[in-house]
């Protein structure tokens, strides 16, 4: 008899006691329970690995976005600086012409 979930396996382990045959049956059920726990642990570990890889990819995406924003800010700063310099020159010539 094979169970597919841990609560059923635990119930099977706890209901047997007494003779050596029953103890062997109990040990078999305990082995089945341990196998189920190991399978669930492996599934959880696989899920954790996938989630970790996703987090790493998202972190690198944020790094790339930050670099792009920094480059965009530098370009905007240079354009603004040049515009301010042109306005100063324009204002000086306008004052001198008056």
Protein backbone atom coordinates (compact mmCIF):
# COMPACT_ATOMS: atom_id res chain seq x y z
CA UNK A 1 0.00 0.00 0.00
CA UNK A 2 1.49 3.31 -1.08
CA UNK A 3 0.28 6.65 0.20
CA UNK A 4 0.77 9.87 -1.70
CA UNK A 5 0.75 12.44 1.06
CA UNK A 6 2.47 12.87 4.39
CA UNK A 7 -0.59 13.04 6.69
CA UNK A 8 -1.79 9.63 5.44
CA UNK A 9 1.69 8.18 5.88
CA UNK A 10 1.92 9.57 9.43
CA UNK A 11 -1.50 8.13 10.27
CA UNK A 12 -0.35 4.75 8.95
CA UNK A 13 2.80 4.83 11.06
CA UNK A 14 1.06 5.79 14.29
CA UNK A 15 -1.78 3.23 14.17
CA UNK A 16 0.44 0.12 14.26
CA UNK A 17 2.18 -1.21 17.37
CA UNK A 18 2.77 -4.50 19.18
CA UNK A 19 4.08 -7.69 17.53
CA UNK A 20 7.24 -7.99 15.44
CA UNK A 21 5.19 -8.33 12.23
CA UNK A 22 3.36 -5.13 13.11
CA UNK A 23 6.68 -3.47 13.90
CA UNK A 24 8.02 -4.49 10.49
CA UNK A 25 4.88 -3.03 8.92
CA UNK A 26 5.38 0.11 10.99
CA UNK A 27 9.02 0.35 9.83
CA UNK A 28 7.88 -0.02 6.21
CA UNK A 29 5.38 2.77 6.69
CA UNK A 30 8.05 4.90 8.37
CA UNK A 31 10.35 4.33 5.39
CA UNK A 32 7.52 5.37 3.09
CA UNK A 33 6.97 8.49 5.18
CA UNK A 34 10.66 9.35 5.04
CA UNK A 35 10.65 8.85 1.26
CA UNK A 36 7.70 11.24 0.94
CA UNK A 37 9.43 13.83 3.12
CA UNK A 38 12.61 13.52 1.03
CA UNK A 39 10.63 13.99 -2.19
CA UNK A 40 8.89 17.09 -0.84
CA UNK A 41 12.24 18.45 0.34
CA UNK A 42 13.74 17.92 -3.12
CA UNK A 43 10.77 19.65 -4.75
CA UNK A 44 11.11 22.57 -2.33
CA UNK A 45 14.84 22.82 -3.02
CA UNK A 46 14.21 22.91 -6.78
CA UNK A 47 11.61 25.64 -6.32
CA UNK A 48 14.02 27.63 -4.15
CA UNK A 49 16.75 27.34 -6.81
CA UNK A 50 14.36 28.63 -9.49
CA UNK A 51 13.29 31.54 -7.29
CA UNK A 52 16.92 32.37 -6.48
CA UNK A 53 17.82 32.43 -10.18
CA UNK A 54 14.85 34.70 -10.87
CA UNK A 55 15.96 37.07 -8.11
CA UNK A 56 19.48 37.16 -9.54
CA UNK A 57 18.13 37.98 -13.01
CA UNK A 58 15.93 40.74 -11.58
CA UNK A 59 18.90 42.15 -9.66
CA UNK A 60 20.98 42.31 -12.86
CA UNK A 61 18.05 43.97 -14.64
CA UNK A 62 17.98 46.62 -11.91
CA UNK A 63 21.73 47.14 -12.28
CA UNK A 64 21.30 47.63 -16.03
CA UNK A 65 18.43 50.04 -15.50
CA UNK A 66 20.46 52.02 -12.97
CA UNK A 67 23.40 52.29 -15.37
CA UNK A 68 21.07 53.43 -18.17
CA UNK A 69 19.50 56.06 -15.91
CA UNK A 70 22.92 57.30 -14.85
CA UNK A 71 24.04 57.65 -18.47
CA UNK A 72 20.79 59.45 -19.35
CA UNK A 73 21.27 61.82 -16.41
CA UNK A 74 24.84 62.61 -17.51
CA UNK A 75 23.66 63.39 -21.05
CA UNK A 76 20.87 65.62 -19.72
CA UNK A 77 23.30 67.41 -17.41
CA UNK A 78 25.68 68.15 -20.29
CA UNK A 79 22.81 69.43 -22.47
CA UNK A 80 21.51 71.62 -19.65
CA UNK A 81 25.00 72.98 -18.94
CA UNK A 82 25.46 73.92 -22.61
CA UNK A 83 22.03 75.57 -22.69
CA UNK A 84 22.85 77.65 -19.61
CA UNK A 85 26.15 78.75 -21.17
CA UNK A 86 24.36 79.81 -24.38
CA UNK A 87 21.76 81.77 -22.40
CA UNK A 88 24.51 83.60 -20.46
CA UNK A 89 26.20 84.56 -23.73
CA UNK A 90 22.88 85.67 -25.22
CA UNK A 91 22.09 87.77 -22.14
CA UNK A 92 25.55 89.40 -22.19
CA UNK A 93 25.20 90.36 -25.86
CA UNK A 94 21.70 91.68 -25.27
CA UNK A 95 22.92 93.83 -22.38
CA UNK A 96 25.89 95.09 -24.40
CA UNK A 97 23.67 96.03 -27.35
CA UNK A 98 21.41 98.17 -25.20
